[in-house]
N, C-alpha and C. Protein backbone atom coordinates (compact mmCIF):
# COMPACT_ATOMS: atom_id res chain seq x y z
N MET A 1 82.27 88.89 78.83
CA MET A 1 81.91 89.98 79.29
C MET A 1 82.47 90.40 80.58
N ASN A 2 82.96 91.51 80.81
CA ASN A 2 83.62 91.94 82.15
C ASN A 2 82.67 92.32 83.13
N ARG A 3 82.64 91.65 84.30
CA ARG A 3 81.85 91.94 85.34
C ARG A 3 82.35 93.08 86.14
N PRO A 4 81.57 93.94 86.84
CA PRO A 4 82.02 95.16 87.62
C PRO A 4 82.80 94.53 88.85
N VAL A 5 83.74 95.36 89.28
CA VAL A 5 84.58 94.94 90.32
C VAL A 5 83.63 94.89 91.64
N PRO A 6 83.81 93.75 92.51
CA PRO A 6 82.90 93.54 93.62
C PRO A 6 83.11 94.83 94.60
N ARG A 7 82.07 95.03 95.38
CA ARG A 7 82.13 96.24 96.28
C ARG A 7 83.14 95.97 97.26
N ARG A 8 83.52 94.80 97.84
CA ARG A 8 84.57 94.60 98.68
C ARG A 8 85.85 94.93 98.26
N ALA A 9 86.01 94.55 96.97
CA ALA A 9 87.50 94.87 96.32
C ALA A 9 87.48 96.40 96.26
N THR A 10 86.58 97.10 95.97
CA THR A 10 86.63 98.67 95.95
C THR A 10 86.91 99.33 97.23
N VAL A 11 86.41 98.65 98.28
CA VAL A 11 86.65 99.15 99.75
C VAL A 11 88.12 98.91 99.87
N LEU A 12 88.55 97.62 99.62
CA LEU A 12 89.96 97.37 100.00
C LEU A 12 90.92 98.17 99.09
N TYR A 13 90.64 98.45 97.88
CA TYR A 13 91.35 99.40 97.03
C TYR A 13 91.37 100.83 97.57
N ALA A 14 90.35 101.39 98.25
CA ALA A 14 90.10 102.55 98.79
C ALA A 14 91.06 102.70 100.17
N ILE A 15 90.93 101.66 100.87
CA ILE A 15 91.80 101.61 102.18
C ILE A 15 93.27 101.47 101.95
N SER A 16 93.57 100.76 100.70
CA SER A 16 94.91 100.61 100.33
C SER A 16 95.55 102.09 99.86
N ALA A 17 94.69 102.70 99.03
CA ALA A 17 95.19 104.03 98.59
C ALA A 17 95.36 105.03 99.78
N THR A 18 94.54 104.84 100.69
CA THR A 18 94.50 105.82 101.85
C THR A 18 95.99 105.46 102.70
N CYS A 19 95.99 104.34 102.91
CA CYS A 19 97.29 103.76 103.63
C CYS A 19 98.61 104.32 102.92
N VAL A 20 98.66 104.10 101.62
CA VAL A 20 100.02 104.64 100.85
C VAL A 20 99.85 106.10 100.90
N ALA A 21 98.87 106.76 100.73
CA ALA A 21 98.95 108.11 100.74
C ALA A 21 99.37 108.74 102.06
N ILE A 22 98.88 108.17 103.23
CA ILE A 22 99.24 108.63 104.49
C ILE A 22 100.67 108.20 104.81
N GLY A 23 101.12 107.05 104.41
CA GLY A 23 102.50 106.46 104.48
C GLY A 23 103.36 107.39 103.82
N ALA A 24 103.18 107.71 102.60
CA ALA A 24 104.02 108.65 101.83
C ALA A 24 104.11 109.79 102.43
N LEU A 25 103.15 110.53 102.91
CA LEU A 25 103.23 111.77 103.50
C LEU A 25 104.12 111.65 104.81
N LEU A 26 103.95 110.58 105.69
CA LEU A 26 104.77 110.38 106.86
C LEU A 26 106.11 110.20 106.52
N TRP A 27 106.37 109.48 105.44
CA TRP A 27 107.78 109.12 105.06
C TRP A 27 108.33 110.48 104.59
N VAL A 28 107.78 111.24 103.76
CA VAL A 28 108.36 112.53 103.21
C VAL A 28 108.67 113.44 104.39
N ARG A 29 107.70 113.66 105.38
CA ARG A 29 107.81 114.34 106.56
C ARG A 29 108.93 113.87 107.49
N GLY A 30 109.19 112.63 107.47
CA GLY A 30 110.38 112.13 108.47
C GLY A 30 111.63 112.24 107.65
N GLN A 31 111.76 112.29 106.20
CA GLN A 31 113.02 112.69 105.47
C GLN A 31 113.25 114.14 105.60
N THR A 32 112.27 114.83 105.59
CA THR A 32 112.61 116.39 105.43
C THR A 32 112.95 117.07 106.85
N GLY A 33 112.43 116.53 107.95
CA GLY A 33 112.72 116.98 109.22
C GLY A 33 114.01 116.75 109.70
N ALA A 34 114.65 117.61 110.29
CA ALA A 34 115.99 117.47 110.83
C ALA A 34 115.92 116.62 112.13
N PRO A 35 116.54 115.33 112.22
CA PRO A 35 116.36 114.58 113.36
C PRO A 35 117.20 115.22 114.42
N PRO A 36 116.65 115.08 115.67
CA PRO A 36 117.54 115.60 116.87
C PRO A 36 118.68 114.72 117.11
N ARG A 37 119.71 115.38 117.56
CA ARG A 37 121.09 114.60 117.71
C ARG A 37 121.22 113.78 119.03
N VAL A 38 120.43 114.05 120.01
CA VAL A 38 120.40 113.33 121.28
C VAL A 38 119.09 112.99 121.63
N TYR A 39 119.03 111.83 122.22
CA TYR A 39 117.46 111.19 122.47
C TYR A 39 116.74 112.20 123.45
N GLY A 40 117.49 112.89 124.34
CA GLY A 40 116.86 113.87 125.18
C GLY A 40 116.02 115.08 124.41
N SER A 41 116.62 115.20 123.08
CA SER A 41 116.10 116.21 122.35
C SER A 41 114.67 115.77 121.80
N TYR A 42 114.52 114.42 121.71
CA TYR A 42 113.07 113.99 121.21
C TYR A 42 112.03 114.57 122.25
N LEU A 43 112.41 114.40 123.55
CA LEU A 43 111.43 114.89 124.66
C LEU A 43 111.28 116.40 124.61
N ALA A 44 112.36 117.10 124.40
CA ALA A 44 112.31 118.62 124.36
C ALA A 44 111.63 118.98 123.23
N ALA A 45 111.82 118.34 122.15
CA ALA A 45 111.12 118.76 120.80
C ALA A 45 109.55 118.50 120.86
N ASP A 46 109.11 117.63 121.63
CA ASP A 46 107.75 117.32 121.68
C ASP A 46 107.01 118.55 122.06
N GLY A 47 107.55 119.20 123.13
CA GLY A 47 106.88 120.48 123.53
C GLY A 47 106.81 121.60 122.64
N TYR A 48 107.54 121.54 121.49
CA TYR A 48 107.58 122.60 120.60
C TYR A 48 107.09 122.30 119.23
N THR A 49 106.39 121.17 119.14
CA THR A 49 105.82 120.79 117.83
C THR A 49 104.69 121.56 117.62
N SER A 50 104.07 121.76 116.36
CA SER A 50 103.17 122.67 116.07
C SER A 50 101.82 121.67 116.27
N SER A 51 101.90 120.51 116.19
CA SER A 51 100.81 119.57 116.48
C SER A 51 100.50 119.42 117.84
N ALA A 52 99.25 119.22 118.25
CA ALA A 52 98.81 119.08 119.75
C ALA A 52 98.93 117.50 120.13
N TRP A 53 99.00 116.70 118.98
CA TRP A 53 99.03 115.11 119.24
C TRP A 53 100.06 114.61 118.38
N ARG A 54 100.58 113.57 118.90
CA ARG A 54 101.83 112.90 118.10
C ARG A 54 101.26 111.70 117.36
N VAL A 55 101.74 111.48 116.04
CA VAL A 55 101.23 110.47 115.28
C VAL A 55 101.88 109.16 115.37
N TRP A 56 103.07 109.25 115.91
CA TRP A 56 104.09 108.08 116.08
C TRP A 56 104.49 108.00 117.47
N SER A 57 105.14 106.63 117.69
CA SER A 57 105.66 106.56 118.92
C SER A 57 107.06 106.79 118.99
N PRO A 58 107.77 107.22 120.05
CA PRO A 58 109.24 107.51 120.10
C PRO A 58 110.12 106.24 119.53
N ALA A 59 109.52 104.94 119.68
CA ALA A 59 110.23 103.83 119.32
C ALA A 59 110.18 103.68 117.89
N VAL A 60 109.16 104.23 117.19
CA VAL A 60 108.93 104.11 115.61
C VAL A 60 109.04 105.51 115.03
N PRO A 61 110.13 105.70 114.34
CA PRO A 61 110.28 107.11 113.65
C PRO A 61 109.22 107.25 112.61
N GLU A 62 108.78 108.50 112.11
CA GLU A 62 107.90 108.72 111.10
C GLU A 62 108.21 108.11 109.88
N GLU A 63 109.48 108.16 109.46
CA GLU A 63 109.65 107.51 108.05
C GLU A 63 109.37 105.98 108.12
N ARG A 64 109.82 105.22 109.25
CA ARG A 64 109.52 103.90 109.42
C ARG A 64 108.11 103.52 109.45
N LEU A 65 107.37 104.40 110.04
CA LEU A 65 105.99 104.25 110.11
C LEU A 65 105.23 104.62 108.81
N GLY A 66 105.88 105.37 108.01
CA GLY A 66 105.37 105.64 106.72
C GLY A 66 105.66 104.39 105.79
N LEU A 67 106.76 103.91 106.02
CA LEU A 67 107.20 102.63 105.19
C LEU A 67 106.17 101.52 105.42
N TYR A 68 105.83 101.37 106.85
CA TYR A 68 104.90 100.29 107.23
C TYR A 68 103.56 100.53 106.50
N LEU A 69 103.21 101.70 106.52
CA LEU A 69 101.80 102.08 105.94
C LEU A 69 101.88 101.84 104.49
N ILE A 70 102.88 102.22 103.85
CA ILE A 70 103.02 101.86 102.46
C ILE A 70 102.94 100.41 102.11
N ALA A 71 103.80 99.58 102.90
CA ALA A 71 103.83 98.16 102.66
C ALA A 71 102.39 97.46 103.02
N ALA A 72 101.71 97.98 104.00
CA ALA A 72 100.37 97.55 104.26
C ALA A 72 99.46 98.05 103.23
N GLY A 73 99.51 99.10 102.47
CA GLY A 73 98.67 99.47 101.41
C GLY A 73 98.96 98.72 100.16
N LEU A 74 100.17 98.27 99.97
CA LEU A 74 100.50 97.46 98.90
C LEU A 74 100.00 96.10 99.09
N VAL A 75 100.04 95.58 100.37
CA VAL A 75 99.46 94.15 100.44
C VAL A 75 98.04 94.19 100.36
N LEU A 76 97.49 95.26 100.76
CA LEU A 76 95.89 95.47 100.61
C LEU A 76 95.48 95.51 99.11
N ALA A 77 96.30 96.19 98.39
CA ALA A 77 95.93 96.28 96.94
C ALA A 77 96.22 94.80 96.27
N VAL A 78 97.22 94.17 96.56
CA VAL A 78 97.37 92.77 96.06
C VAL A 78 96.19 91.99 96.53
N ALA A 79 95.84 92.05 97.73
CA ALA A 79 94.78 91.31 98.25
C ALA A 79 93.46 91.43 97.53
N ALA A 80 93.17 92.76 97.16
CA ALA A 80 91.95 93.21 96.55
C ALA A 80 92.01 92.84 95.08
N ARG A 81 93.20 92.77 94.51
CA ARG A 81 93.33 92.35 93.20
C ARG A 81 92.98 90.91 93.09
N LEU A 82 93.64 90.07 93.99
CA LEU A 82 93.34 88.71 94.05
C LEU A 82 91.93 88.30 94.26
N PHE A 83 91.17 89.09 95.15
CA PHE A 83 89.88 88.95 95.59
C PHE A 83 88.96 89.06 94.26
N SER A 84 89.35 90.27 93.58
CA SER A 84 88.51 90.47 92.44
C SER A 84 88.69 89.44 91.21
N ILE A 85 89.90 88.89 91.12
CA ILE A 85 90.12 87.81 90.00
C ILE A 85 89.39 86.49 90.40
N ARG A 86 89.48 86.27 91.64
CA ARG A 86 88.90 85.09 92.21
C ARG A 86 87.37 85.00 91.96
N ARG A 87 86.91 86.25 92.04
CA ARG A 87 85.28 86.32 91.89
C ARG A 87 84.86 86.21 90.42
N ASP A 88 85.73 86.45 89.41
CA ASP A 88 85.61 86.13 88.09
C ASP A 88 85.40 84.92 87.48
């Protein structure tokens, strides 16, 4: 008989899905935006962005942060799967 998935695994799956969704949105946003040609343009562009707060550091571009979040989400999904298998 199949037992229900433990609550901890469900929480890990939810966090994983959130990381992947945010990571995918950041990656797409980084791919569609035209990158500035000069580093000084980064500083000038910050004053003209529509957002009042920055999501990323200048050292880590949006698309790289998005890929990191996608990777973290996949690792969490695998961990949740292993956790649920181990409980059975």
